[in-house]
Amino acid sequence: MDDDPDVLRSFMRLLGEDADVKIALGAEAALKVLESKPFDVIIVDFNMTGPNGGWLLRQVRERHPKVTRVLLSGSSYSELTPYLEPELVDHFLEKPIEAEELIEIVGAG
């Protein structure tokens, strides 16, 4: 889940062959996708238009507690901690992300 179509396309290319990848432009759209079928992992950008990634992760934790939650951001984790409870995030990746690390997290999810 990101609000940048280029980032979403790169995720599709990177993960699409080995995973059932669905994309959503915005937090509300992501929740609708999660309601449509079960997922193992959600990848969320913190900064986006509308509700931020922290809001979305709270919703996912409440509604789908078994989903692995991955947060992406161009900011460091320490910059985001005032806006996040530690239990919201299973994995944090600072942009630019390493493809191998993302593949490993999704594979383990």
C-alpha atoms as a PDB file:
ATOM      1  CA  MET A   1       0.000   0.000   0.000  1.00  0.00           C
ATOM      2  CA  ASP A   2       1.520   3.236  -1.183  1.00  0.00           C
ATOM      3  CA  ASP A   3       0.183   6.362  -2.814  1.00  0.00           C
ATOM      4  CA  ASP A   4       2.938   6.427  -5.454  1.00  0.00           C
ATOM      5  CA  PRO A   5       1.954   4.384  -8.534  1.00  0.00           C
ATOM      6  CA  ASP A   6       5.631   3.893  -9.485  1.00  0.00           C
ATOM      7  CA  VAL A   7       6.381   2.307  -6.113  1.00  0.00           C
ATOM      8  CA  LEU A   8       3.341   0.061  -6.465  1.00  0.00           C
ATOM      9  CA  ARG A   9       4.420  -1.071  -9.941  1.00  0.00           C
ATOM     10  CA  SER A  10       7.904  -1.888  -8.640  1.00  0.00           C
ATOM     11  CA  PHE A  11       6.371  -4.025  -5.857  1.00  0.00           C
ATOM     12  CA  MET A  12       4.270  -5.850  -8.442  1.00  0.00           C
ATOM     13  CA  ARG A  13       7.374  -6.591 -10.538  1.00  0.00           C
ATOM     14  CA  LEU A  14       9.421  -7.602  -7.508  1.00  0.00           C
ATOM     15  CA  LEU A  15       6.864  -9.783  -5.724  1.00  0.00           C
ATOM     16  CA  GLY A  16       4.256 -10.610  -8.337  1.00  0.00           C
ATOM     17  CA  GLU A  17       5.754 -13.879  -9.555  1.00  0.00           C
ATOM     18  CA  ASP A  18       6.061 -15.440  -6.108  1.00  0.00           C
ATOM     19  CA  ALA A  19       3.116 -13.871  -4.277  1.00  0.00           C
ATOM     20  CA  ASP A  20      -0.505 -12.902  -4.813  1.00  0.00           C
ATOM     21  CA  VAL A  21       0.012  -9.134  -4.786  1.00  0.00           C
ATOM     22  CA  LYS A  22      -2.858  -6.654  -4.601  1.00  0.00           C
ATOM     23  CA  ILE A  23      -2.334  -2.904  -4.636  1.00  0.00           C
ATOM     24  CA  ALA A  24      -4.359  -0.120  -3.065  1.00  0.00           C
ATOM     25  CA  LEU A  25      -4.097   3.634  -3.475  1.00  0.00           C
ATOM     26  CA  GLY A  26      -4.893   4.850   0.021  1.00  0.00           C
ATOM     27  CA  ALA A  27      -5.710   3.503   3.455  1.00  0.00           C
ATOM     28  CA  GLU A  28      -9.456   3.050   2.950  1.00  0.00           C
ATOM     29  CA  ALA A  29      -8.876   1.175  -0.315  1.00  0.00           C
ATOM     30  CA  ALA A  30      -6.362  -1.080   1.438  1.00  0.00           C
ATOM     31  CA  LEU A  31      -8.917  -1.988   4.112  1.00  0.00           C
ATOM     32  CA  LYS A  32     -11.443  -2.919   1.415  1.00  0.00           C
ATOM     33  CA  VAL A  33      -8.877  -5.193  -0.233  1.00  0.00           C
ATOM     34  CA  LEU A  34      -8.125  -6.843   3.126  1.00  0.00           C
ATOM     35  CA  GLU A  35     -11.837  -7.445   3.687  1.00  0.00           C
ATOM     36  CA  SER A  36     -12.145  -9.184   0.315  1.00  0.00           C
ATOM     37  CA  LYS A  37      -9.751 -12.051   1.103  1.00  0.00           C
ATOM     38  CA  PRO A  38      -7.158 -13.074   3.694  1.00  0.00           C
ATOM     39  CA  PHE A  39      -3.575 -11.885   3.312  1.00  0.00           C
ATOM     40  CA  ASP A  40      -0.405 -12.873   5.123  1.00  0.00           C
ATOM     41  CA  VAL A  41       1.436  -9.538   4.799  1.00  0.00           C
ATOM     42  CA  ILE A  42       0.547  -5.882   4.293  1.00  0.00           C
ATOM     43  CA  ILE A  43       3.187  -3.386   3.177  1.00  0.00           C
ATOM     44  CA  VAL A  44       2.298   0.199   4.066  1.00  0.00           C
ATOM     45  CA  ASP A  45       3.957   3.545   3.389  1.00  0.00           C
ATOM     46  CA  PHE A  46       3.745   5.880   6.381  1.00  0.00           C
ATOM     47  CA  ASN A  47       3.304   9.103   4.405  1.00  0.00           C
ATOM     48  CA  MET A  48       0.380   9.136   2.015  1.00  0.00           C
ATOM     49  CA  THR A  49      -2.626  11.237   1.182  1.00  0.00           C
ATOM     50  CA  GLY A  50      -5.556  10.714   3.515  1.00  0.00           C
ATOM     51  CA  PRO A  51      -5.032   8.704   6.689  1.00  0.00           C
ATOM     52  CA  ASN A  52      -1.356   7.880   7.236  1.00  0.00           C
ATOM     53  CA  GLY A  53       0.237   4.466   7.506  1.00  0.00           C
ATOM     54  CA  GLY A  54       0.045   4.504  11.293  1.00  0.00           C
ATOM     55  CA  TRP A  55      -3.734   4.835  11.119  1.00  0.00           C
ATOM     56  CA  LEU A  56      -3.941   1.974   8.634  1.00  0.00           C
ATOM     57  CA  LEU A  57      -1.697  -0.278  10.732  1.00  0.00           C
ATOM     58  CA  ARG A  58      -3.945   0.328  13.762  1.00  0.00           C
ATOM     59  CA  GLN A  59      -6.972  -0.726  11.727  1.00  0.00           C
ATOM     60  CA  VAL A  60      -5.191  -3.816  10.400  1.00  0.00           C
ATOM     61  CA  ARG A  61      -4.035  -4.836  13.879  1.00  0.00           C
ATOM     62  CA  GLU A  62      -7.592  -4.573  15.225  1.00  0.00           C
ATOM     63  CA  ARG A  63      -9.367  -6.244  12.296  1.00  0.00           C
ATOM     64  CA  HIS A  64      -6.719  -8.692  11.052  1.00  0.00           C
ATOM     65  CA  PRO A  65      -4.285  -9.360  13.927  1.00  0.00           C
ATOM     66  CA  LYS A  66      -2.552 -12.283  12.188  1.00  0.00           C
ATOM     67  CA  VAL A  67      -1.452 -10.174   9.198  1.00  0.00           C
ATOM     68  CA  THR A  68       2.262  -9.318   9.245  1.00  0.00           C
ATOM     69  CA  ARG A  69       2.579  -5.518   9.135  1.00  0.00           C
ATOM     70  CA  VAL A  70       5.478  -3.946   7.214  1.00  0.00           C
ATOM     71  CA  LEU A  71       5.971  -0.178   7.365  1.00  0.00           C
ATOM     72  CA  LEU A  72       7.946   1.751   4.747  1.00  0.00           C
ATOM     73  CA  SER A  73       9.108   5.322   5.078  1.00  0.00           C
ATOM     74  CA  GLY A  74      11.627   7.791   3.774  1.00  0.00           C
ATOM     75  CA  SER A  75      12.058   8.824   7.418  1.00  0.00           C
ATOM     76  CA  SER A  76      13.922   6.837  10.038  1.00  0.00           C
ATOM     77  CA  TYR A  77      11.999   4.700  12.526  1.00  0.00           C
ATOM     78  CA  SER A  78      13.093   6.976  15.380  1.00  0.00           C
ATOM     79  CA  GLU A  79      11.471   9.944  13.603  1.00  0.00           C
ATOM     80  CA  LEU A  80       8.185   8.039  13.410  1.00  0.00           C
ATOM     81  CA  THR A  81       8.068   6.631  16.958  1.00  0.00           C
ATOM     82  CA  PRO A  82       6.079   9.614  18.313  1.00  0.00           C
ATOM     83  CA  TYR A  83       3.295   8.610  15.905  1.00  0.00           C
ATOM     84  CA  LEU A  84       3.384   4.817  16.309  1.00  0.00           C
ATOM     85  CA  GLU A  85       2.893   2.281  19.037  1.00  0.00           C
ATOM     86  CA  PRO A  86       5.695  -0.329  18.823  1.00  0.00           C
ATOM     87  CA  GLU A  87       3.256  -3.246  18.506  1.00  0.00           C
ATOM     88  CA  LEU A  88       1.851  -1.813  15.258  1.00  0.00           C
ATOM     89  CA  VAL A  89       4.962  -2.607  13.234  1.00  0.00           C
ATOM     90  CA  ASP A  90       6.346  -6.097  12.677  1.00  0.00           C
ATOM     91  CA  HIS A  91       9.016  -4.915  10.216  1.00  0.00           C
ATOM     92  CA  PHE A  92      10.274  -1.453   9.284  1.00  0.00           C
ATOM     93  CA  LEU A  93      12.039  -0.652   6.015  1.00  0.00           C
ATOM     94  CA  GLU A  94      13.565   2.744   5.343  1.00  0.00           C
ATOM     95  CA  LYS A  95      13.428   3.898   1.728  1.00  0.00           C
ATOM     96  CA  PRO A  96      15.146   3.189  -0.512  1.00  0.00           C
ATOM     97  CA  ILE A  97      14.512  -0.426   0.391  1.00  0.00           C
ATOM     98  CA  GLU A  98      16.638  -3.444  -0.413  1.00  0.00           C
ATOM     99  CA  ALA A  99      14.739  -5.846  -2.675  1.00  0.00           C
ATOM    100  CA  GLU A 100      16.201  -8.906  -0.961  1.00  0.00           C
ATOM    101  CA  GLU A 101      15.053  -7.745   2.461  1.00  0.00           C
ATOM    102  CA  LEU A 102      11.504  -7.165   1.248  1.00  0.00           C
ATOM    103  CA  ILE A 103      11.401 -10.556  -0.491  1.00  0.00           C
ATOM    104  CA  GLU A 104      12.640 -12.238   2.704  1.00  0.00           C
ATOM    105  CA  ILE A 105       9.984 -10.537   4.850  1.00  0.00           C
ATOM    106  CA  VAL A 106       7.166 -11.377   2.447  1.00  0.00           C
ATOM    107  CA  GLY A 107       8.369 -14.966   2.154  1.00  0.00           C
ATOM    108  CA  ALA A 108       8.395 -15.333   5.943  1.00  0.00           C
ATOM    109  CA  GLY A 109       4.974 -13.682   6.335  1.00  0.00           C
END
